């Protein structure tokens, strides 16, 4: 692939990428502006009244940019009336024309909306699925043709003060790109860069980029690559984040959070859309929540430790090498060759054991395709140990492991012994710190009781003594601070 620049300031501390500001009507995007939330209408564009009404509803729900499909010239012309009706309602939300295949539709739409989105895979090319080898001169001829086709839109947008999004989609790349780079994240990035270079040759910079895919892994890799390649060429255009065809319900929200959230933590992203097959108004609170969480990370005043040495290639997806650990010899193994395990935390104290049992049973019945594999409970004092025993006996066969988050001052006090008629216990010492003698004592007590030890480790280099203790444990397990347990 060749060398690429880093795509973010730090992979360990979330720091926002510096981008240029782009004006979309009266709205400013990028730079130090808030992450803008946007959506797309689902009405027939030719039904101008319905489209205008839905645009207004989106704006009133907090949507900051509204995109409208314009698949042909007639739809592009209809944007004039849609814009008029929206502005008549005193709504100043920027409108975006979504263009595929038809340069003439883009040229018309630019007259009426604040921004035009084009797909570089089909704006100037017709996909013929032809396999051919391009010589350098033939490839340059294709780029010259692309320059001639795209330049009129660039000049019109520059003249009218319109912004533009170069929106690459995985699966709709041109034959030229497919034959040289394949249907890959690199192909997606190169496809967008071709258009960016043409626009820059005309000193036009009011552009936003997107690298969308229905596969969050492909989408994440494509965004990281395009930022790296832009850095190599001194480009600082803002990014529009999104996962295409995410679906509906909880699964769609999780899928979008994985793709969009991962990039926001990288410090990437200036505007986003959570694409749901629901009423588009339902997209707004989800997108707003992701944007707010990103700003909390970026603006955090927490002390940041120096970055450790990074051995991971962020452009390739591989599991982290680690040994396998059997937490339940019959049903649960974690490690490099096993899928991630699902552990959930109960909000109830152990003295509410009947509620914990009832809710666990209902959850397991409702989620047979994705059952809970481990239950996390908090042990606040030793008086709750009898309740823990009731819970262990009641959940035998229902969950594979119980994680005990021991909040007592001394987690080595009264560890119950192993029971073969109940789920194994993963015992987490919440307050043990990094004292080697305390860790050694805790490990010894867990081994004596037959439980897997679980220790919170700070984000600093561990002493050689702690490493020796952990490596020598007969049932090694670790817990890293945060909201999710990671064992292995």
Protein backbone atom coordinates (compact mmCIF):
# COMPACT_ATOMS: atom_id res chain seq x y z
CA UNK A 1 0.00 0.00 0.00
CA UNK A 2 2.97 2.30 0.48
CA UNK A 3 3.58 4.62 3.38
CA UNK A 4 0.76 6.70 4.79
CA UNK A 5 0.65 9.48 7.34
CA UNK A 6 -0.96 8.95 10.73
CA UNK A 7 -4.72 9.47 10.52
CA UNK A 8 -5.14 10.78 14.06
CA UNK A 9 -3.16 12.65 16.71
CA UNK A 10 -3.20 9.65 19.05
CA UNK A 11 -4.78 6.21 19.00
CA UNK A 12 -4.83 6.21 22.81
CA UNK A 13 -6.19 9.69 23.63
CA UNK A 14 -9.17 11.04 21.74
CA UNK A 15 -8.14 14.35 20.16
CA UNK A 16 -10.19 16.04 17.45
CA UNK A 17 -8.65 16.30 13.99
CA UNK A 18 -8.11 19.85 12.78
CA UNK A 19 -10.09 20.55 9.60
CA UNK A 20 -10.96 23.58 7.54
CA UNK A 21 -14.33 25.25 8.00
CA UNK A 22 -16.88 24.79 5.22
CA UNK A 23 -19.93 27.01 4.80
CA UNK A 24 -23.23 25.29 3.94
CA UNK A 25 -25.65 28.13 3.57
CA UNK A 26 -25.64 29.92 6.92
CA UNK A 27 -24.24 26.85 8.73
CA UNK A 28 -20.53 26.39 9.35
CA UNK A 29 -19.13 22.87 9.52
CA UNK A 30 -15.66 21.65 10.51
CA UNK A 31 -12.89 23.44 12.39
CA UNK A 32 -13.93 23.95 16.00
CA UNK A 33 -17.65 23.89 15.17
CA UNK A 34 -19.89 21.29 16.89
CA UNK A 35 -20.36 17.97 15.14
CA UNK A 36 -23.38 18.62 12.94
CA UNK A 37 -26.30 16.17 12.87
CA UNK A 38 -28.04 15.44 9.59
CA UNK A 39 -30.64 13.17 8.02
CA UNK A 40 -32.37 12.45 4.73
CA UNK A 41 -35.97 12.64 3.61
CA UNK A 42 -37.77 9.44 2.64
CA UNK A 43 -40.55 11.02 0.59
CA UNK A 44 -40.88 11.08 -3.19
CA UNK A 45 -39.03 14.24 -4.22
CA UNK A 46 -41.67 14.92 -6.87
CA UNK A 47 -44.18 15.26 -4.03
CA UNK A 48 -42.80 18.65 -3.15
CA UNK A 49 -45.30 19.37 -0.38
CA UNK A 50 -44.59 16.12 1.47
CA UNK A 51 -40.83 16.53 1.06
CA UNK A 52 -40.91 20.11 2.33
CA UNK A 53 -43.07 19.05 5.28
CA UNK A 54 -40.68 16.25 6.23
CA UNK A 55 -37.70 18.61 5.88
CA UNK A 56 -39.38 21.00 8.30
CA UNK A 57 -40.14 18.15 10.75
CA UNK A 58 -36.50 17.10 10.67
CA UNK A 59 -35.30 20.66 11.31
CA UNK A 60 -37.72 21.03 14.23
CA UNK A 61 -36.39 17.76 15.69
CA UNK A 62 -32.85 19.17 15.72
CA UNK A 63 -31.56 18.09 12.32
CA UNK A 64 -28.99 20.63 11.11
CA UNK A 65 -28.64 19.50 7.46
CA UNK A 66 -31.36 17.82 5.36
CA UNK A 67 -30.52 15.75 2.28
CA UNK A 68 -33.04 15.13 -0.51
CA UNK A 69 -32.58 12.65 -3.33
CA UNK A 70 -32.53 14.04 -6.88
CA UNK A 71 -32.24 10.98 -9.14
CA UNK A 72 -33.08 12.83 -12.36
CA UNK A 73 -33.47 16.28 -13.87
CA UNK A 74 -37.16 16.60 -12.98
CA UNK A 75 -36.41 15.83 -9.32
CA UNK A 76 -33.60 18.39 -9.38
CA UNK A 77 -36.01 21.00 -10.73
CA UNK A 78 -38.49 20.12 -7.96
CA UNK A 79 -35.93 21.23 -5.38
CA UNK A 80 -36.78 24.84 -6.28
CA UNK A 81 -40.33 24.50 -4.94
CA UNK A 82 -39.21 22.40 -1.95
CA UNK A 83 -36.69 25.06 -0.96
CA UNK A 84 -39.28 27.80 -1.38
CA UNK A 85 -41.77 26.03 0.90
CA UNK A 86 -39.16 25.31 3.58
CA UNK A 87 -37.97 28.93 3.60
CA UNK A 88 -41.56 30.17 3.67
CA UNK A 89 -41.94 28.28 6.95
CA UNK A 90 -39.01 30.32 8.36
CA UNK A 91 -36.79 27.23 8.41
CA UNK A 92 -33.21 27.98 7.37
CA UNK A 93 -31.83 24.41 7.57
CA UNK A 94 -29.40 23.80 4.67
CA UNK A 95 -30.75 21.50 1.96
CA UNK A 96 -28.54 19.01 0.12
CA UNK A 97 -29.24 17.40 -3.26
CA UNK A 98 -28.23 13.74 -3.45
CA UNK A 99 -27.00 13.02 -6.99
CA UNK A 100 -26.14 9.75 -8.72
CA UNK A 101 -25.27 9.20 -12.40
CA UNK A 102 -26.56 12.53 -13.79
CA UNK A 103 -24.23 15.56 -14.00
CA UNK A 104 -27.05 17.61 -15.55
CA UNK A 105 -29.21 16.98 -12.46
CA UNK A 106 -26.36 18.17 -10.25
CA UNK A 107 -25.96 21.34 -12.32
CA UNK A 108 -29.67 22.08 -11.97
CA UNK A 109 -29.86 21.23 -8.25
CA UNK A 110 -26.97 23.58 -7.44
CA UNK A 111 -29.26 26.49 -8.34
CA UNK A 112 -31.65 25.77 -5.46
CA UNK A 113 -29.86 24.03 -2.57
CA UNK A 114 -26.92 24.87 -0.33
CA UNK A 115 -24.96 21.71 -1.00
CA UNK A 116 -24.67 19.00 -3.65
CA UNK A 117 -23.61 15.44 -2.88
CA UNK A 118 -22.06 13.44 -5.73
CA UNK A 119 -20.95 9.80 -5.78
CA UNK A 120 -17.52 9.64 -7.46
CA UNK A 121 -18.18 6.04 -8.46
CA UNK A 122 -20.99 6.91 -10.85
CA UNK A 123 -20.99 10.68 -11.47
CA UNK A 124 -18.87 10.48 -14.62
CA UNK A 125 -18.71 6.72 -15.21
CA UNK A 126 -21.12 3.97 -16.18
CA UNK A 127 -20.30 0.67 -14.55
CA UNK A 128 -19.77 -2.02 -17.20
CA UNK A 129 -18.05 -4.58 -14.94
CA UNK A 130 -15.24 -4.85 -17.46
CA UNK A 131 -11.90 -6.35 -16.52
CA UNK A 132 -9.03 -4.62 -18.23
CA UNK A 133 -5.51 -3.47 -17.54
CA UNK A 134 -5.00 0.27 -17.87
CA UNK A 135 -1.64 1.56 -19.05
CA UNK A 136 -0.48 4.77 -17.39
CA UNK A 137 -1.45 6.77 -20.47
CA UNK A 138 -4.90 5.14 -20.66
CA UNK A 139 -5.49 5.78 -16.96
CA UNK A 140 -4.52 9.42 -17.45
CA UNK A 141 -6.95 9.69 -20.37
CA UNK A 142 -9.71 8.49 -18.03
CA UNK A 143 -8.71 11.11 -15.45
CA UNK A 144 -8.74 13.82 -18.12
CA UNK A 145 -12.26 12.77 -19.13
CA UNK A 146 -13.29 12.86 -15.45
CA UNK A 147 -11.79 16.37 -15.16
CA UNK A 148 -13.83 17.59 -18.12
CA UNK A 149 -17.06 16.07 -16.77
CA UNK A 150 -16.73 17.25 -13.16
CA UNK A 151 -15.30 20.74 -13.74
CA UNK A 152 -18.61 22.42 -14.75
CA UNK A 153 -20.20 21.44 -11.41
CA UNK A 154 -17.16 22.66 -9.49
CA UNK A 155 -17.29 26.01 -11.24
CA UNK A 156 -21.04 26.36 -10.72
CA UNK A 157 -20.80 25.58 -7.01
CA UNK A 158 -17.92 28.03 -6.69
CA UNK A 159 -19.89 30.73 -8.50
CA UNK A 160 -23.07 30.22 -6.45
CA UNK A 161 -21.34 29.70 -3.10
CA UNK A 162 -22.52 26.11 -2.77
CA UNK A 163 -20.78 23.39 -0.79
CA UNK A 164 -20.23 19.87 -2.06
CA UNK A 165 -19.88 16.41 -0.55
CA UNK A 166 -17.74 13.84 -2.32
CA UNK A 167 -19.58 10.76 -1.05
CA UNK A 168 -17.93 7.44 -1.90
CA UNK A 169 -19.96 4.26 -1.38
CA UNK A 170 -18.46 0.82 -1.01
CA UNK A 171 -19.82 -1.33 -3.83
CA UNK A 172 -20.35 1.49 -6.33
CA UNK A 173 -16.82 2.23 -7.50
CA UNK A 174 -15.98 2.87 -11.15
CA UNK A 175 -14.47 0.17 -13.37
CA UNK A 176 -11.30 2.25 -13.52
CA UNK A 177 -10.89 2.20 -9.74
CA UNK A 178 -12.04 -1.42 -9.44
CA UNK A 179 -9.41 -2.63 -11.90
CA UNK A 180 -6.58 -0.80 -10.18
CA UNK A 181 -7.52 -0.96 -6.48
CA UNK A 182 -10.41 -3.42 -6.23
CA UNK A 183 -13.65 -2.93 -4.31
CA UNK A 184 -11.61 -2.02 -1.26
CA UNK A 185 -11.16 0.76 1.29
CA UNK A 186 -8.13 1.92 -0.70
CA UNK A 187 -10.27 2.07 -3.85
CA UNK A 188 -12.88 4.12 -2.00
CA UNK A 189 -10.26 6.60 -0.81
CA UNK A 190 -8.58 6.92 -4.21
CA UNK A 191 -11.96 7.47 -5.88
CA UNK A 192 -12.66 10.48 -3.66
CA UNK A 193 -9.16 11.88 -4.02
CA UNK A 194 -9.53 12.02 -7.81
CA UNK A 195 -12.45 14.42 -7.37
CA UNK A 196 -10.75 16.43 -4.64
CA UNK A 197 -7.72 17.06 -6.86
CA UNK A 198 -9.93 18.35 -9.68
CA UNK A 199 -11.77 20.74 -7.34
CA UNK A 200 -8.51 21.98 -5.86
CA UNK A 201 -7.17 22.69 -9.34
CA UNK A 202 -9.96 25.29 -9.57
CA UNK A 203 -9.26 26.68 -6.06
CA UNK A 204 -12.58 25.32 -4.83
CA UNK A 205 -12.45 24.08 -1.25
CA UNK A 206 -16.01 24.05 0.13
CA UNK A 207 -15.98 20.26 0.28
CA UNK A 208 -16.83 17.49 2.73
CA UNK A 209 -15.85 13.82 2.35
CA UNK A 210 -17.58 10.54 3.21
CA UNK A 211 -16.52 6.89 2.88
CA UNK A 212 -19.69 4.91 3.56
CA UNK A 213 -20.24 1.18 3.72
CA UNK A 214 -22.81 -1.13 5.28
CA UNK A 215 -19.85 -2.96 6.84
CA UNK A 216 -18.48 -0.92 9.77
CA UNK A 217 -15.04 -2.53 9.42
CA UNK A 218 -14.74 -1.46 5.78
CA UNK A 219 -16.08 2.00 6.58
CA UNK A 220 -13.65 2.55 9.47
CA UNK A 221 -10.67 1.45 7.40
CA UNK A 222 -11.70 3.64 4.45
CA UNK A 223 -12.04 6.79 6.56
CA UNK A 224 -8.68 6.20 8.23
CA UNK A 225 -7.04 5.65 4.86
CA UNK A 226 -8.53 8.69 3.18
CA UNK A 227 -7.44 10.94 6.07
CA UNK A 228 -3.92 9.52 5.86
CA UNK A 229 -3.80 10.08 2.11
CA UNK A 230 -5.22 13.59 2.45
CA UNK A 231 -2.53 14.37 5.01
CA UNK A 232 0.09 13.29 2.47
CA UNK A 233 -1.29 15.89 0.05
CA UNK A 234 -1.86 18.67 2.57
CA UNK A 235 -5.67 18.37 2.52
CA UNK A 236 -7.78 19.13 5.59
CA UNK A 237 -11.36 18.68 4.39
CA UNK A 238 -14.02 17.80 7.00
CA UNK A 239 -15.63 14.37 7.21
CA UNK A 240 -19.24 13.22 7.07
CA UNK A 241 -19.60 9.92 8.98
CA UNK A 242 -22.20 7.23 8.40
CA UNK A 243 -22.90 3.52 8.04
CA UNK A 244 -25.17 2.79 5.07
CA UNK A 245 -28.17 0.47 5.27
CA UNK A 246 -27.86 0.11 9.03
CA UNK A 247 -31.46 -1.16 9.30
CA UNK A 248 -33.80 -0.50 12.21
CA UNK A 249 -34.17 -1.11 15.90
CA UNK A 250 -31.41 -1.89 18.36
CA UNK A 251 -29.20 -3.71 15.85
CA UNK A 252 -29.03 -0.68 13.54
CA UNK A 253 -28.17 1.64 16.40
CA UNK A 254 -25.41 -0.68 17.60
CA UNK A 255 -24.03 -1.05 14.08
CA UNK A 256 -23.95 2.72 13.59
CA UNK A 257 -22.39 3.28 17.01
CA UNK A 258 -19.60 0.83 16.19
CA UNK A 259 -18.68 2.51 12.90
CA UNK A 260 -19.33 6.15 13.75
CA UNK A 261 -18.25 5.89 17.38
CA UNK A 262 -14.91 4.25 16.54
CA UNK A 263 -14.03 7.11 14.20
CA UNK A 264 -15.19 9.79 16.62
CA UNK A 265 -12.88 8.29 19.23
CA UNK A 266 -10.11 8.58 16.63
CA UNK A 267 -10.91 12.29 16.58
CA UNK A 268 -12.42 12.03 13.09
CA UNK A 269 -15.78 13.43 12.06
CA UNK A 270 -17.41 16.83 11.62
CA UNK A 271 -20.95 15.81 10.72
CA UNK A 272 -22.81 12.51 10.91
CA UNK A 273 -25.95 10.67 9.97
CA UNK A 274 -27.31 7.55 11.64
CA UNK A 275 -29.07 5.80 8.75
CA UNK A 276 -32.19 3.97 9.97
CA UNK A 277 -35.02 2.36 7.99
CA UNK A 278 -37.48 4.16 10.26
CA UNK A 279 -39.04 7.61 10.31
CA UNK A 280 -35.98 9.82 9.69
CA UNK A 281 -36.87 11.89 12.76
CA UNK A 282 -35.86 8.83 14.83
CA UNK A 283 -32.29 9.24 13.57
CA UNK A 284 -31.78 12.61 15.23
CA UNK A 285 -31.58 11.68 18.96
CA UNK A 286 -29.23 8.77 18.19
CA UNK A 287 -26.94 10.98 16.12
CA UNK A 288 -27.06 13.75 18.71
CA UNK A 289 -26.08 11.35 21.47
CA UNK A 290 -23.05 10.14 19.49
CA UNK A 291 -22.00 13.72 18.74
CA UNK A 292 -22.34 14.76 22.38
CA UNK A 293 -20.28 11.81 23.56
CA UNK A 294 -17.56 12.69 21.06
CA UNK A 295 -17.30 16.23 22.42
CA UNK A 296 -17.10 14.90 25.99
CA UNK A 297 -14.12 12.78 24.96
CA UNK A 298 -12.43 15.54 22.98
CA UNK A 299 -12.91 18.16 25.68
CA UNK A 300 -11.99 15.94 28.63
CA UNK A 301 -9.58 17.53 31.12
CA UNK A 302 -8.40 14.17 32.44
CA UNK A 303 -4.66 13.76 32.71
CA UNK A 304 -3.34 12.02 29.61
CA UNK A 305 -0.47 9.60 29.96
CA UNK A 306 2.17 9.31 27.22
CA UNK A 307 1.23 7.03 24.34
CA UNK A 308 2.66 3.51 24.69
CA UNK A 309 4.47 1.82 21.84
CA UNK A 310 1.85 0.83 19.26
CA UNK A 311 2.27 -2.59 17.68
CA UNK A 312 -1.08 -2.60 15.87
CA UNK A 313 -1.57 -1.86 12.17
CA UNK A 314 -4.75 0.26 12.29
CA UNK A 315 -5.42 -0.27 8.58
CA UNK A 316 -5.82 -4.04 8.92
CA UNK A 317 -8.21 -6.02 11.08
CA UNK A 318 -6.65 -8.79 13.12
CA UNK A 319 -7.47 -10.21 16.51
CA UNK A 320 -5.00 -9.34 19.25
CA UNK A 321 -2.82 -12.40 19.95
CA UNK A 322 -3.53 -13.72 23.43
CA UNK A 323 -3.82 -17.10 25.13
CA UNK A 324 -7.20 -18.77 25.53
CA UNK A 325 -8.76 -19.02 28.98
CA UNK A 326 -11.53 -21.45 29.85
CA UNK A 327 -13.92 -19.73 32.27
CA UNK A 328 -16.34 -22.62 32.09
CA UNK A 329 -14.96 -25.90 30.84
CA UNK A 330 -18.27 -26.74 29.17
CA UNK A 331 -19.59 -23.53 27.69
CA UNK A 332 -17.29 -20.50 27.82
CA UNK A 333 -13.80 -19.92 26.52
CA UNK A 334 -12.30 -16.51 25.83
CA UNK A 335 -9.25 -15.57 23.83
CA UNK A 336 -7.91 -14.96 20.36
CA UNK A 337 -9.79 -17.82 18.67
CA UNK A 338 -13.14 -17.30 20.43
CA UNK A 339 -15.86 -14.75 19.67
CA UNK A 340 -16.22 -11.90 22.20
CA UNK A 341 -18.21 -12.94 25.26
CA UNK A 342 -21.32 -11.05 26.38
CA UNK A 343 -21.21 -10.03 30.04
CA UNK A 344 -23.89 -7.78 31.54
CA UNK A 345 -24.15 -5.97 34.84
CA UNK A 346 -27.23 -6.08 37.04
CA UNK A 347 -28.38 -2.77 38.54
CA UNK A 348 -29.63 -4.56 41.68
CA UNK A 349 -27.77 -5.21 44.91
CA UNK A 350 -27.27 -8.81 45.95
CA UNK A 351 -29.96 -8.54 48.65
CA UNK A 352 -32.43 -8.20 45.75
CA UNK A 353 -31.46 -11.66 44.55
CA UNK A 354 -34.98 -12.59 43.48
CA UNK A 355 -35.13 -9.60 41.10
CA UNK A 356 -31.72 -10.50 39.67
CA UNK A 357 -32.81 -14.09 39.03
CA UNK A 358 -36.11 -13.02 37.46
CA UNK A 359 -34.58 -10.41 35.16
CA UNK A 360 -31.81 -12.79 34.07
CA UNK A 361 -34.36 -15.48 33.21
CA UNK A 362 -36.46 -13.04 31.19
CA UNK A 363 -33.41 -11.71 29.35
CA UNK A 364 -32.23 -15.20 28.44
CA UNK A 365 -35.67 -16.13 27.15
CA UNK A 366 -35.97 -12.96 25.07
CA UNK A 367 -32.47 -13.18 23.56
CA UNK A 368 -32.02 -16.82 22.66
CA UNK A 369 -29.88 -15.92 19.61
CA UNK A 370 -27.52 -13.78 21.72
CA UNK A 371 -27.73 -15.04 25.30
CA UNK A 372 -25.98 -13.47 28.27
CA UNK A 373 -22.84 -15.50 28.93
CA UNK A 374 -21.81 -13.83 32.16
CA UNK A 375 -23.54 -11.81 34.87
CA UNK A 376 -21.70 -9.06 36.78
CA UNK A 377 -22.80 -8.47 40.39
CA UNK A 378 -21.42 -6.13 43.05
CA UNK A 379 -20.42 -7.40 46.50
CA UNK A 380 -20.51 -4.41 48.86
CA UNK A 381 -20.01 -6.24 52.14
CA UNK A 382 -19.61 -9.77 53.49
CA UNK A 383 -23.20 -9.90 54.73
CA UNK A 384 -24.28 -10.35 51.09
CA UNK A 385 -22.31 -13.60 50.66
CA UNK A 386 -25.34 -15.81 51.52
CA UNK A 387 -27.30 -14.01 48.78
CA UNK A 388 -24.45 -14.69 46.37
CA UNK A 389 -24.74 -18.40 47.21
CA UNK A 390 -28.47 -18.33 46.43
CA UNK A 391 -27.75 -16.59 43.12
CA UNK A 392 -25.05 -19.13 42.20
CA UNK A 393 -27.36 -22.08 42.83
CA UNK A 394 -30.28 -20.45 40.98
CA UNK A 395 -28.30 -19.55 37.85
CA UNK A 396 -26.69 -22.95 37.32
CA UNK A 397 -27.17 -23.70 33.63
CA UNK A 398 -28.54 -20.20 32.94
CA UNK A 399 -25.23 -18.30 32.64
CA UNK A 400 -21.71 -19.57 32.05
CA UNK A 401 -19.94 -17.41 34.61
CA UNK A 402 -20.68 -14.89 37.38
CA UNK A 403 -18.31 -11.93 37.74
CA UNK A 404 -18.15 -10.73 41.35
CA UNK A 405 -17.14 -7.07 41.55
CA UNK A 406 -15.77 -7.13 45.09
CA UNK A 407 -16.07 -3.61 46.52
CA UNK A 408 -14.98 -4.61 50.04
CA UNK A 409 -11.87 -3.02 51.50
CA UNK A 410 -10.22 -6.43 51.74
CA UNK A 411 -11.29 -8.64 48.80
CA UNK A 412 -9.49 -11.62 50.32
CA UNK A 413 -11.96 -11.83 53.20
CA UNK A 414 -14.27 -14.87 53.11
CA UNK A 415 -14.04 -16.06 49.52
CA UNK A 416 -16.64 -18.80 49.10
CA UNK A 417 -15.25 -22.12 47.81
CA UNK A 418 -15.78 -23.45 44.31
CA UNK A 419 -19.05 -25.36 43.71
CA UNK A 420 -19.40 -27.70 40.77
CA UNK A 421 -23.19 -27.32 40.84
CA UNK A 422 -23.08 -23.59 40.11
CA UNK A 423 -21.50 -21.25 37.53
CA UNK A 424 -17.78 -20.54 38.03
CA UNK A 425 -16.89 -17.26 39.72
CA UNK A 426 -14.62 -14.63 38.22
CA UNK A 427 -13.53 -12.60 41.26
CA UNK A 428 -12.67 -8.97 40.63
CA UNK A 429 -10.69 -7.10 43.29
CA UNK A 430 -11.86 -3.52 42.74
CA UNK A 431 -9.56 -1.87 45.32
CA UNK A 432 -6.41 -3.92 45.14
CA UNK A 433 -4.21 -1.39 43.29
CA UNK A 434 -0.68 -2.28 42.21
CA UNK A 435 0.85 -3.38 45.52
CA UNK A 436 2.72 -6.61 44.68
CA UNK A 437 2.18 -8.21 48.09
CA UNK A 438 -1.58 -7.52 47.97
CA UNK A 439 -1.83 -8.90 44.44
CA UNK A 440 0.11 -12.03 45.47
CA UNK A 441 -2.20 -12.50 48.47
CA UNK A 442 -5.32 -12.06 46.34
CA UNK A 443 -4.12 -14.50 43.68
CA UNK A 444 -3.32 -17.08 46.36
CA UNK A 445 -6.78 -16.77 47.95
CA UNK A 446 -8.50 -17.08 44.55
CA UNK A 447 -6.45 -20.16 43.73
CA UNK A 448 -7.27 -21.71 47.10
CA UNK A 449 -11.01 -21.05 46.58
CA UNK A 450 -10.89 -22.24 42.95
CA UNK A 451 -11.96 -18.93 41.37
CA UNK A 452 -10.56 -17.01 38.40
CA UNK A 453 -8.80 -13.86 39.66
CA UNK A 454 -9.66 -10.56 37.99
CA UNK A 455 -7.57 -7.44 38.63
CA UNK A 456 -7.94 -3.78 37.59
CA UNK A 457 -4.67 -2.67 36.02
CA UNK A 458 -3.81 1.02 35.46
CA UNK A 459 -2.70 2.31 32.09
CA UNK A 460 0.97 2.37 33.05
CA UNK A 461 3.88 0.00 32.59
CA UNK A 462 3.57 -2.84 35.09
CA UNK A 463 6.43 -3.78 37.36
CA UNK A 464 8.31 -6.97 36.55
CA UNK A 465 7.06 -8.39 39.86
CA UNK A 466 3.40 -7.95 38.89
CA UNK A 467 4.03 -9.46 35.47
CA UNK A 468 5.66 -12.50 37.09
CA UNK A 469 2.73 -12.90 39.49
CA UNK A 470 0.16 -12.72 36.69
CA UNK A 471 2.07 -15.07 34.41
CA UNK A 472 2.46 -17.60 37.24
CA UNK A 473 -1.25 -17.63 38.15
CA UNK A 474 -2.87 -20.97 37.36
CA UNK A 475 -6.08 -19.22 36.24
CA UNK A 476 -4.94 -15.95 34.64
CA UNK A 477 -7.50 -13.23 34.05
CA UNK A 478 -7.41 -9.46 33.82
CA UNK A 479 -9.89 -6.61 33.86
CA UNK A 480 -9.18 -3.22 32.33
CA UNK A 481 -11.00 -0.19 33.78
CA UNK A 482 -14.00 1.12 31.89
CA UNK A 483 -17.59 0.15 31.27
CA UNK A 484 -16.85 -3.20 29.68
CA UNK A 485 -15.08 -6.22 31.03
CA UNK A 486 -12.32 -7.63 28.89
CA UNK A 487 -11.02 -10.97 30.00
CA UNK A 488 -7.92 -12.64 28.66
